Amino acid sequence: MNDILHGLGAAAAYGALGVVLLLLGVALVDLLTPGRLGHQIWVERNRNAAVLLSSALLGIGGIVFTAIMYTYADFAKGLLSTACYGLLGLLLMAVAFWAVDLLTPGKLGAILVEPEPHPAVWVSASTNLAVAAVVSAAIA
């Protein structure tokens, strides 16, 4: 019974860390795009913003999943390494966003929250998922 309680506690800690990292991902996408992201998605029903945010959340979720799967036996060390890998993923996603913005015409953040569908959102979403895959592979 003790091992079940210990497992539940570890799952709760990793789950809470995952939620915090996901919320940081939302804040990062909100920072990189003009306007309020929540308003654009839930009120204006902006599909571009929704696809961009979804890709960031899936990417961070994948990184956290991989970090937990390949974590250290020591609980504290595993939790810390998961946090570090998640933050690294967020940082690299922001750098990749910035690089794509530099290499393409216009202001990427503004383009990605236009009300009309724009193909640039798929490039940015793919970039998020690719960065997450690279970080996940580095963990494993």
N, C-alpha and C. Protein backbone atom coordinates (compact mmCIF):
# COMPACT_ATOMS: atom_id res chain seq x y z
N MET A 1 0.82 -1.20 0.00
CA MET A 1 0.00 0.00 0.00
C MET A 1 0.86 1.26 0.00
N ASN A 2 1.98 1.18 0.70
CA ASN A 2 2.88 2.33 0.77
C ASN A 2 3.42 2.69 -0.61
N ASP A 3 3.73 1.68 -1.42
CA ASP A 3 4.26 1.94 -2.76
C ASP A 3 3.22 2.60 -3.65
N ILE A 4 1.93 2.27 -3.46
CA ILE A 4 0.87 2.92 -4.24
C ILE A 4 0.77 4.39 -3.86
N LEU A 5 0.80 4.68 -2.57
CA LEU A 5 0.74 6.07 -2.11
C LEU A 5 1.95 6.86 -2.59
N HIS A 6 3.11 6.24 -2.55
CA HIS A 6 4.33 6.89 -3.05
C HIS A 6 4.18 7.18 -4.55
N GLY A 7 3.66 6.22 -5.30
CA GLY A 7 3.45 6.40 -6.73
C GLY A 7 2.45 7.50 -7.04
N LEU A 8 1.38 7.56 -6.24
CA LEU A 8 0.39 8.61 -6.42
C LEU A 8 0.99 9.99 -6.15
N GLY A 9 1.80 10.06 -5.11
CA GLY A 9 2.46 11.34 -4.80
C GLY A 9 3.39 11.78 -5.92
N ALA A 10 4.16 10.84 -6.45
CA ALA A 10 5.08 11.16 -7.55
C ALA A 10 4.29 11.58 -8.78
N ALA A 11 3.20 10.86 -9.08
CA ALA A 11 2.38 11.21 -10.24
C ALA A 11 1.77 12.60 -10.08
N ALA A 12 1.33 12.92 -8.87
CA ALA A 12 0.76 14.24 -8.61
C ALA A 12 1.81 15.33 -8.80
N ALA A 13 3.03 15.09 -8.33
CA ALA A 13 4.10 16.08 -8.47
C ALA A 13 4.47 16.28 -9.95
N TYR A 14 4.64 15.18 -10.68
CA TYR A 14 4.95 15.29 -12.10
C TYR A 14 3.79 15.92 -12.87
N GLY A 15 2.57 15.56 -12.50
CA GLY A 15 1.40 16.14 -13.14
C GLY A 15 1.31 17.64 -12.92
N ALA A 16 1.56 18.07 -11.69
CA ALA A 16 1.54 19.50 -11.38
C ALA A 16 2.63 20.23 -12.16
N LEU A 17 3.81 19.64 -12.23
CA LEU A 17 4.90 20.24 -13.01
C LEU A 17 4.51 20.34 -14.48
N GLY A 18 3.89 19.28 -15.01
CA GLY A 18 3.44 19.31 -16.40
C GLY A 18 2.44 20.42 -16.66
N VAL A 19 1.50 20.60 -15.74
CA VAL A 19 0.51 21.67 -15.89
C VAL A 19 1.19 23.04 -15.86
N VAL A 20 2.14 23.23 -14.96
CA VAL A 20 2.87 24.50 -14.88
C VAL A 20 3.61 24.76 -16.20
N LEU A 21 4.27 23.74 -16.74
CA LEU A 21 4.98 23.91 -18.01
C LEU A 21 4.01 24.21 -19.16
N LEU A 22 2.85 23.58 -19.16
CA LEU A 22 1.85 23.87 -20.18
C LEU A 22 1.36 25.31 -20.07
N LEU A 23 1.13 25.77 -18.85
CA LEU A 23 0.71 27.16 -18.65
C LEU A 23 1.80 28.14 -19.09
N LEU A 24 3.05 27.78 -18.84
CA LEU A 24 4.15 28.62 -19.35
C LEU A 24 4.16 28.64 -20.87
N GLY A 25 3.81 27.51 -21.49
CA GLY A 25 3.70 27.45 -22.94
C GLY A 25 2.61 28.39 -23.46
N VAL A 26 1.48 28.41 -22.78
CA VAL A 26 0.40 29.33 -23.16
C VAL A 26 0.89 30.77 -23.04
N ALA A 27 1.56 31.08 -21.93
CA ALA A 27 2.08 32.43 -21.73
C ALA A 27 3.10 32.81 -22.79
N LEU A 28 3.94 31.86 -23.18
CA LEU A 28 4.95 32.13 -24.21
C LEU A 28 4.30 32.44 -25.55
N VAL A 29 3.32 31.63 -25.97
CA VAL A 29 2.64 31.90 -27.24
C VAL A 29 1.91 33.23 -27.16
N ASP A 30 1.31 33.52 -26.02
CA ASP A 30 0.62 34.80 -25.83
C ASP A 30 1.60 35.96 -25.95
N LEU A 31 2.80 35.78 -25.42
CA LEU A 31 3.83 36.82 -25.50
C LEU A 31 4.32 37.03 -26.93
N LEU A 32 4.42 35.95 -27.70
CA LEU A 32 4.96 36.03 -29.07
C LEU A 32 3.95 36.53 -30.10
N THR A 33 2.68 36.56 -29.73
CA THR A 33 1.65 37.01 -30.66
C THR A 33 0.95 38.24 -30.10
N PRO A 34 0.52 39.14 -30.99
CA PRO A 34 -0.15 40.36 -30.50
C PRO A 34 -1.57 40.05 -30.01
N GLY A 35 -2.06 40.87 -29.11
CA GLY A 35 -3.41 40.69 -28.58
C GLY A 35 -3.44 39.63 -27.50
N ARG A 36 -4.63 39.43 -26.97
CA ARG A 36 -4.82 38.41 -25.92
C ARG A 36 -5.17 37.09 -26.59
N LEU A 37 -4.34 36.10 -26.38
CA LEU A 37 -4.49 34.81 -27.03
C LEU A 37 -5.83 34.14 -26.67
N GLY A 38 -6.18 34.15 -25.41
CA GLY A 38 -7.44 33.54 -24.99
C GLY A 38 -8.63 34.18 -25.69
N HIS A 39 -8.63 35.48 -25.80
CA HIS A 39 -9.72 36.19 -26.48
C HIS A 39 -9.77 35.81 -27.95
N GLN A 40 -8.59 35.74 -28.58
CA GLN A 40 -8.54 35.40 -30.00
C GLN A 40 -9.09 34.01 -30.26
N ILE A 41 -8.79 33.07 -29.38
CA ILE A 41 -9.23 31.70 -29.60
C ILE A 41 -10.68 31.50 -29.18
N TRP A 42 -11.05 31.88 -27.98
CA TRP A 42 -12.36 31.54 -27.44
C TRP A 42 -13.46 32.53 -27.83
N VAL A 43 -13.11 33.78 -28.06
CA VAL A 43 -14.14 34.77 -28.43
C VAL A 43 -14.17 34.98 -29.94
N GLU A 44 -12.99 35.26 -30.52
CA GLU A 44 -12.94 35.52 -31.96
C GLU A 44 -12.88 34.23 -32.79
N ARG A 45 -12.68 33.09 -32.12
CA ARG A 45 -12.61 31.79 -32.78
C ARG A 45 -11.54 31.76 -33.87
N ASN A 46 -10.38 32.30 -33.54
CA ASN A 46 -9.27 32.40 -34.49
C ASN A 46 -8.57 31.04 -34.61
N ARG A 47 -8.73 30.40 -35.74
CA ARG A 47 -8.15 29.07 -35.95
C ARG A 47 -6.64 29.11 -36.02
N ASN A 48 -6.08 30.16 -36.60
CA ASN A 48 -4.62 30.26 -36.66
C ASN A 48 -4.02 30.24 -35.26
N ALA A 49 -4.58 31.05 -34.38
CA ALA A 49 -4.08 31.11 -33.00
C ALA A 49 -4.28 29.77 -32.30
N ALA A 50 -5.40 29.12 -32.57
CA ALA A 50 -5.68 27.82 -31.93
C ALA A 50 -4.69 26.75 -32.40
N VAL A 51 -4.37 26.72 -33.68
CA VAL A 51 -3.41 25.73 -34.20
C VAL A 51 -2.03 25.99 -33.61
N LEU A 52 -1.63 27.25 -33.56
CA LEU A 52 -0.32 27.59 -33.00
C LEU A 52 -0.22 27.18 -31.53
N LEU A 53 -1.23 27.53 -30.74
CA LEU A 53 -1.21 27.17 -29.33
C LEU A 53 -1.27 25.65 -29.14
N SER A 54 -2.10 24.99 -29.92
CA SER A 54 -2.20 23.53 -29.82
C SER A 54 -0.87 22.85 -30.08
N SER A 55 -0.14 23.32 -31.09
CA SER A 55 1.15 22.70 -31.40
C SER A 55 2.15 22.91 -30.27
N ALA A 56 2.12 24.07 -29.65
CA ALA A 56 3.02 24.33 -28.52
C ALA A 56 2.67 23.42 -27.34
N LEU A 57 1.38 23.26 -27.07
CA LEU A 57 0.96 22.40 -25.96
C LEU A 57 1.31 20.94 -26.23
N LEU A 58 1.09 20.48 -27.44
CA LEU A 58 1.45 19.10 -27.78
C LEU A 58 2.96 18.90 -27.69
N GLY A 59 3.72 19.89 -28.14
CA GLY A 59 5.18 19.79 -28.07
C GLY A 59 5.68 19.72 -26.63
N ILE A 60 5.20 20.61 -25.80
CA ILE A 60 5.62 20.61 -24.40
C ILE A 60 5.16 19.32 -23.71
N GLY A 61 3.95 18.90 -24.00
CA GLY A 61 3.46 17.64 -23.44
C GLY A 61 4.34 16.47 -23.84
N GLY A 62 4.79 16.45 -25.07
CA GLY A 62 5.68 15.38 -25.53
C GLY A 62 7.02 15.41 -24.84
N ILE A 63 7.55 16.60 -24.63
CA ILE A 63 8.83 16.73 -23.93
C ILE A 63 8.68 16.26 -22.48
N VAL A 64 7.64 16.70 -21.80
CA VAL A 64 7.42 16.31 -20.41
C VAL A 64 7.21 14.79 -20.32
N PHE A 65 6.43 14.24 -21.23
CA PHE A 65 6.21 12.80 -21.27
C PHE A 65 7.55 12.05 -21.38
N THR A 66 8.37 12.47 -22.34
CA THR A 66 9.65 11.80 -22.55
C THR A 66 10.56 11.96 -21.34
N ALA A 67 10.58 13.16 -20.77
CA ALA A 67 11.44 13.40 -19.61
C ALA A 67 11.02 12.52 -18.43
N ILE A 68 9.72 12.32 -18.25
CA ILE A 68 9.25 11.47 -17.16
C ILE A 68 9.57 10.00 -17.45
N MET A 69 9.37 9.59 -18.69
CA MET A 69 9.63 8.20 -19.06
C MET A 69 11.09 7.80 -18.84
N TYR A 70 11.99 8.74 -19.08
CA TYR A 70 13.42 8.45 -18.98
C TYR A 70 14.05 9.16 -17.78
N THR A 71 13.26 9.36 -16.75
CA THR A 71 13.72 10.13 -15.60
C THR A 71 14.71 9.33 -14.74
N TYR A 72 15.33 10.05 -13.85
CA TYR A 72 16.25 9.45 -12.89
C TYR A 72 15.48 8.68 -11.83
N ALA A 73 16.12 7.71 -11.24
CA ALA A 73 15.49 6.94 -10.17
C ALA A 73 15.22 7.82 -8.95
N ASP A 74 16.11 8.76 -8.69
CA ASP A 74 15.94 9.69 -7.58
C ASP A 74 14.81 10.67 -7.93
N PHE A 75 13.77 10.71 -7.08
CA PHE A 75 12.58 11.51 -7.36
C PHE A 75 12.91 12.99 -7.57
N ALA A 76 13.65 13.58 -6.65
CA ALA A 76 13.94 15.02 -6.75
C ALA A 76 14.74 15.33 -8.01
N LYS A 77 15.71 14.49 -8.31
CA LYS A 77 16.52 14.68 -9.51
C LYS A 77 15.67 14.52 -10.77
N GLY A 78 14.75 13.57 -10.76
CA GLY A 78 13.86 13.35 -11.90
C GLY A 78 12.92 14.52 -12.12
N LEU A 79 12.37 15.04 -11.03
CA LEU A 79 11.47 16.19 -11.13
C LEU A 79 12.22 17.41 -11.65
N LEU A 80 13.42 17.63 -11.12
CA LEU A 80 14.23 18.77 -11.56
C LEU A 80 14.62 18.64 -13.03
N SER A 81 15.02 17.44 -13.45
CA SER A 81 15.42 17.25 -14.85
C SER A 81 14.22 17.44 -15.78
N THR A 82 13.05 17.00 -15.36
CA THR A 82 11.85 17.20 -16.17
C THR A 82 11.55 18.68 -16.32
N ALA A 83 11.67 19.43 -15.25
CA ALA A 83 11.46 20.88 -15.31
C ALA A 83 12.48 21.53 -16.25
N CYS A 84 13.73 21.12 -16.14
CA CYS A 84 14.79 21.70 -16.98
C CYS A 84 14.56 21.40 -18.45
N TYR A 85 14.20 20.16 -18.78
CA TYR A 85 13.94 19.81 -20.17
C TYR A 85 12.71 20.55 -20.71
N GLY A 86 11.69 20.68 -19.88
CA GLY A 86 10.50 21.42 -20.31
C GLY A 86 10.82 22.88 -20.58
N LEU A 87 11.59 23.50 -19.70
CA LEU A 87 11.98 24.90 -19.91
C LEU A 87 12.87 25.05 -21.13
N LEU A 88 13.76 24.07 -21.35
CA LEU A 88 14.60 24.09 -22.54
C LEU A 88 13.74 24.02 -23.80
N GLY A 89 12.74 23.16 -23.79
CA GLY A 89 11.83 23.06 -24.92
C GLY A 89 11.12 24.37 -25.21
N LEU A 90 10.63 25.02 -24.16
CA LEU A 90 9.98 26.32 -24.33
C LEU A 90 10.94 27.35 -24.91
N LEU A 91 12.14 27.38 -24.39
CA LEU A 91 13.14 28.32 -24.88
C LEU A 91 13.46 28.06 -26.35
N LEU A 92 13.66 26.80 -26.71
CA LEU A 92 13.99 26.47 -28.10
C LEU A 92 12.82 26.74 -29.04
N MET A 93 11.60 26.54 -28.57
CA MET A 93 10.45 26.88 -29.40
C MET A 93 10.39 28.38 -29.66
N ALA A 94 10.70 29.17 -28.64
CA ALA A 94 10.72 30.63 -28.82
C ALA A 94 11.82 31.04 -29.79
N VAL A 95 13.00 30.43 -29.67
CA VAL A 95 14.11 30.73 -30.58
C VAL A 95 13.74 30.35 -32.01
N ALA A 96 13.11 29.18 -32.18
CA ALA A 96 12.70 28.74 -33.52
C ALA A 96 11.65 29.69 -34.10
N PHE A 97 10.72 30.15 -33.28
CA PHE A 97 9.71 31.12 -33.72
C PHE A 97 10.40 32.39 -34.21
N TRP A 98 11.34 32.85 -33.43
CA TRP A 98 12.10 34.06 -33.77
C TRP A 98 12.87 33.86 -35.08
N ALA A 99 13.49 32.70 -35.26
CA ALA A 99 14.26 32.42 -36.47
C ALA A 99 13.35 32.38 -37.70
N VAL A 100 12.20 31.72 -37.58
CA VAL A 100 11.26 31.68 -38.70
C VAL A 100 10.78 33.09 -39.00
N ASP A 101 10.54 33.89 -37.97
CA ASP A 101 10.12 35.28 -38.16
C ASP A 101 11.18 36.06 -38.93
N LEU A 102 12.46 35.86 -38.62
CA LEU A 102 13.53 36.55 -39.31
C LEU A 102 13.65 36.13 -40.78
N LEU A 103 13.37 34.87 -41.06
CA LEU A 103 13.57 34.33 -42.40
C LEU A 103 12.37 34.48 -43.33
N THR A 104 11.27 34.98 -42.82
CA THR A 104 10.06 35.10 -43.63
C THR A 104 9.60 36.56 -43.68
N PRO A 105 8.86 36.91 -44.75
CA PRO A 105 8.38 38.30 -44.84
C PRO A 105 7.26 38.58 -43.83
N GLY A 106 7.14 39.83 -43.46
CA GLY A 106 6.08 40.22 -42.53
C GLY A 106 6.45 39.93 -41.09
N LYS A 107 5.53 40.25 -40.22
CA LYS A 107 5.69 39.99 -38.79
C LYS A 107 4.92 38.74 -38.45
N LEU A 108 5.65 37.66 -38.17
CA LEU A 108 5.05 36.34 -38.01
C LEU A 108 3.96 36.31 -36.94
N GLY A 109 4.20 36.90 -35.79
CA GLY A 109 3.20 36.89 -34.73
C GLY A 109 1.88 37.49 -35.18
N ALA A 110 1.95 38.60 -35.91
CA ALA A 110 0.74 39.25 -36.40
C ALA A 110 0.05 38.41 -37.47
N ILE A 111 0.84 37.80 -38.35
CA ILE A 111 0.28 36.95 -39.40
C ILE A 111 -0.47 35.77 -38.79
N LEU A 112 0.09 35.21 -37.74
CA LEU A 112 -0.48 33.99 -37.16
C LEU A 112 -1.77 34.22 -36.40
N VAL A 113 -2.11 35.45 -36.11
CA VAL A 113 -3.38 35.70 -35.43
C VAL A 113 -4.36 36.46 -36.32
N GLU A 114 -4.09 36.50 -37.62
CA GLU A 114 -5.06 37.08 -38.54
C GLU A 114 -6.32 36.21 -38.52
N PRO A 115 -7.47 36.82 -38.73
CA PRO A 115 -8.70 36.02 -38.69
C PRO A 115 -8.83 35.03 -39.85
N GLU A 116 -8.25 35.35 -40.99
CA GLU A 116 -8.32 34.44 -42.14
C GLU A 116 -7.25 33.37 -42.02
N PRO A 117 -7.55 32.14 -42.41
CA PRO A 117 -6.53 31.08 -42.36
C PRO A 117 -5.29 31.47 -43.14
N HIS A 118 -4.14 31.15 -42.59
CA HIS A 118 -2.87 31.49 -43.23
C HIS A 118 -1.96 30.26 -43.17
N PRO A 119 -1.32 29.90 -44.28
CA PRO A 119 -0.46 28.71 -44.29
C PRO A 119 0.75 28.82 -43.36
N ALA A 120 1.13 30.02 -42.99
CA ALA A 120 2.28 30.18 -42.09
C ALA A 120 2.04 29.52 -40.74
N VAL A 121 0.77 29.40 -40.34
CA VAL A 121 0.50 28.76 -39.06
C VAL A 121 0.94 27.30 -39.07
N TRP A 122 0.82 26.62 -40.21
CA TRP A 122 1.24 25.22 -40.30
C TRP A 122 2.75 25.10 -40.24
N VAL A 123 3.45 26.07 -40.79
CA VAL A 123 4.92 26.08 -40.70
C VAL A 123 5.34 26.27 -39.25
N SER A 124 4.72 27.22 -38.57
CA SER A 124 5.05 27.47 -37.16
C SER A 124 4.67 26.29 -36.27
N ALA A 125 3.52 25.71 -36.53
CA ALA A 125 3.09 24.55 -35.74
C ALA A 125 4.04 23.38 -35.95
N SER A 126 4.44 23.16 -37.19
CA SER A 126 5.39 22.08 -37.49
C SER A 126 6.73 22.34 -36.83
N THR A 127 7.14 23.59 -36.79
CA THR A 127 8.39 23.95 -36.13
C THR A 127 8.33 23.62 -34.65
N ASN A 128 7.20 23.94 -34.00
CA ASN A 128 7.04 23.61 -32.57
C ASN A 128 7.17 22.11 -32.34
N LEU A 129 6.49 21.33 -33.17
CA LEU A 129 6.51 19.87 -33.00
C LEU A 129 7.89 19.30 -33.32
N ALA A 130 8.57 19.87 -34.32
CA ALA A 130 9.91 19.40 -34.66
C ALA A 130 10.90 19.69 -33.53
N VAL A 131 10.82 20.88 -32.96
CA VAL A 131 11.69 21.22 -31.83
C VAL A 131 11.42 20.27 -30.66
N ALA A 132 10.16 20.01 -30.39
CA ALA A 132 9.81 19.09 -29.30
C ALA A 132 10.35 17.69 -29.58
N ALA A 133 10.28 17.25 -30.82
CA ALA A 133 10.79 15.92 -31.16
C ALA A 133 12.31 15.84 -30.97
N VAL A 134 13.01 16.92 -31.33
CA VAL A 134 14.47 16.94 -31.15
C VAL A 134 14.82 16.91 -29.67
N VAL A 135 14.15 17.70 -28.87
CA VAL A 135 14.43 17.71 -27.42
C VAL A 135 14.08 16.35 -26.83
N SER A 136 12.96 15.78 -27.23
CA SER A 136 12.57 14.46 -26.72
C SER A 136 13.60 13.40 -27.09
N ALA A 137 14.10 13.44 -28.31
CA ALA A 137 15.13 12.47 -28.74
C ALA A 137 16.41 12.67 -27.94
N ALA A 138 16.73 13.90 -27.63
CA ALA A 138 17.94 14.16 -26.84
C ALA A 138 17.81 13.60 -25.42
N ILE A 139 16.59 13.61 -24.90
CA ILE A 139 16.35 13.07 -23.56
C ILE A 139 16.55 11.55 -23.56
N ALA A 140 15.98 10.91 -24.57
CA ALA A 140 16.03 9.45 -24.65
C ALA A 140 17.42 9.01 -25.00
